[in-house]
């Protein structure tokens, strides 16, 4: 977070809540912008937008007037746990044949025919 964001948060920010990742969510109702209050998140650690869970994403983008309540965010049996974007990290997905996975893949079979110039 920048120094400007910290100062603005101290002066005008109203803490609304936190999520399971430790991110803190604020709003400023004193100076509405285009008729809506300003909402923002102070990330714990590196600022990464994929670290915002869906229930807080809807509040940040004014889809809901207030953060979703506990009954509204109950996890269904078919839902997976929220995972942030892991691209560019050691935990990123690498398919078979990727250089970081050994660089070897099974030979193509079936109807695949490589193009060869004449």
Protein backbone atom coordinates (compact mmCIF):
# COMPACT_ATOMS: atom_id res chain seq x y z
CA UNK A 1 0.00 0.00 0.00
CA UNK A 2 1.16 3.51 -0.66
CA UNK A 3 1.72 6.21 1.91
CA UNK A 4 -1.13 8.23 0.40
CA UNK A 5 -3.56 5.33 0.83
CA UNK A 6 -2.48 4.88 4.44
CA UNK A 7 -2.99 8.55 5.26
CA UNK A 8 -6.38 8.62 3.50
CA UNK A 9 -7.40 5.50 5.42
CA UNK A 10 -6.38 7.03 8.77
CA UNK A 11 -8.22 10.28 8.05
CA UNK A 12 -11.39 9.12 6.31
CA UNK A 13 -11.53 5.34 6.38
CA UNK A 14 -14.19 3.44 8.28
CA UNK A 15 -13.24 -0.20 8.86
CA UNK A 16 -16.05 -2.43 7.63
CA UNK A 17 -14.48 -5.84 8.19
CA UNK A 18 -11.72 -8.32 7.46
CA UNK A 19 -11.57 -11.56 5.53
CA UNK A 20 -9.90 -14.91 6.19
CA UNK A 21 -6.69 -13.72 4.50
CA UNK A 22 -6.31 -10.76 6.87
CA UNK A 23 -7.26 -8.12 4.28
CA UNK A 24 -9.08 -5.10 5.75
CA UNK A 25 -12.00 -3.42 3.96
CA UNK A 26 -12.82 0.26 4.32
CA UNK A 27 -15.29 2.82 3.10
CA UNK A 28 -15.53 6.58 3.19
CA UNK A 29 -19.12 7.74 3.45
CA UNK A 30 -18.24 11.36 4.17
CA UNK A 31 -17.38 12.33 0.60
CA UNK A 32 -19.51 10.31 -1.83
CA UNK A 33 -18.17 10.02 -5.32
CA UNK A 34 -20.95 10.16 -7.94
CA UNK A 35 -23.49 9.40 -5.23
CA UNK A 36 -21.68 6.32 -3.92
CA UNK A 37 -19.25 5.91 -1.07
CA UNK A 38 -15.64 5.05 -1.84
CA UNK A 39 -14.65 1.48 -0.94
CA UNK A 40 -11.19 -0.05 -0.85
CA UNK A 41 -9.13 -2.89 0.54
CA UNK A 42 -5.85 -2.81 2.45
CA UNK A 43 -4.13 -6.09 1.56
CA UNK A 44 -2.19 -8.10 4.08
CA UNK A 45 1.11 -8.68 2.32
CA UNK A 46 1.50 -8.09 -1.40
CA UNK A 47 -1.41 -6.34 -3.13
CA UNK A 48 -3.00 -9.03 -5.29
CA UNK A 49 -6.58 -8.58 -6.51
CA UNK A 50 -7.19 -12.33 -6.62
CA UNK A 51 -6.80 -12.37 -2.83
CA UNK A 52 -10.26 -10.78 -2.48
CA UNK A 53 -12.90 -13.47 -1.79
CA UNK A 54 -16.18 -13.32 -3.78
CA UNK A 55 -18.29 -12.07 -0.87
CA UNK A 56 -16.03 -9.03 -0.44
CA UNK A 57 -15.61 -8.52 -4.20
CA UNK A 58 -19.36 -7.93 -4.52
CA UNK A 59 -19.25 -5.31 -1.77
CA UNK A 60 -16.17 -3.53 -3.19
CA UNK A 61 -17.86 -3.18 -6.59
CA UNK A 62 -21.18 -1.91 -5.15
CA UNK A 63 -23.06 -5.07 -6.16
CA UNK A 64 -24.34 -5.33 -2.58
CA UNK A 65 -25.05 -2.47 -0.20
CA UNK A 66 -23.42 -4.22 2.74
CA UNK A 67 -20.95 -7.08 3.02
CA UNK A 68 -22.58 -10.48 2.75
CA UNK A 69 -23.70 -11.94 6.06
CA UNK A 70 -22.51 -15.24 7.44
CA UNK A 71 -25.58 -17.25 6.27
CA UNK A 72 -25.24 -15.76 2.77
CA UNK A 73 -21.63 -16.94 2.40
CA UNK A 74 -22.08 -20.49 3.66
CA UNK A 75 -20.02 -22.78 1.49
CA UNK A 76 -22.06 -25.19 -0.61
CA UNK A 77 -20.94 -28.80 -1.08
CA UNK A 78 -20.02 -28.15 -4.74
CA UNK A 79 -17.93 -25.04 -4.06
CA UNK A 80 -14.15 -25.13 -3.93
CA UNK A 81 -12.08 -23.14 -1.46
CA UNK A 82 -10.94 -19.74 -2.76
CA UNK A 83 -7.42 -19.88 -4.22
CA UNK A 84 -5.56 -16.73 -5.25
CA UNK A 85 -3.91 -16.40 -8.65
CA UNK A 86 -0.68 -18.40 -8.44
CA UNK A 87 0.77 -17.41 -11.81
CA UNK A 88 4.40 -16.43 -11.54
CA UNK A 89 4.87 -18.21 -8.23
CA UNK A 90 6.52 -21.56 -7.47
CA UNK A 91 3.01 -22.99 -6.90
CA UNK A 92 1.80 -22.11 -10.42
CA UNK A 93 0.27 -24.85 -12.57
CA UNK A 94 2.61 -26.40 -15.13
CA UNK A 95 1.16 -29.01 -17.52
CA UNK A 96 3.06 -32.12 -18.49
CA UNK A 97 5.73 -31.24 -21.00
CA UNK A 98 6.36 -27.80 -19.54
CA UNK A 99 10.06 -26.94 -19.25
CA UNK A 100 9.72 -26.67 -15.46
CA UNK A 101 8.16 -30.14 -15.33
CA UNK A 102 11.02 -31.85 -17.14
CA UNK A 103 10.22 -30.68 -20.66
CA UNK A 104 9.13 -34.12 -21.93
CA UNK A 105 5.66 -35.12 -22.96
CA UNK A 106 4.10 -38.14 -24.53
CA UNK A 107 4.27 -38.39 -28.29
CA UNK A 108 1.17 -37.24 -30.14
CA UNK A 109 -1.12 -40.02 -31.29
CA UNK A 110 -4.30 -40.28 -33.27
CA UNK A 111 -5.06 -37.97 -36.17
CA UNK A 112 -2.25 -35.50 -35.54
CA UNK A 113 0.09 -34.99 -38.49
CA UNK A 114 2.91 -32.47 -38.16
CA UNK A 115 3.29 -29.94 -40.92
CA UNK A 116 6.44 -30.24 -42.98
CA UNK A 117 7.39 -27.69 -45.63
CA UNK A 118 7.86 -28.97 -49.17
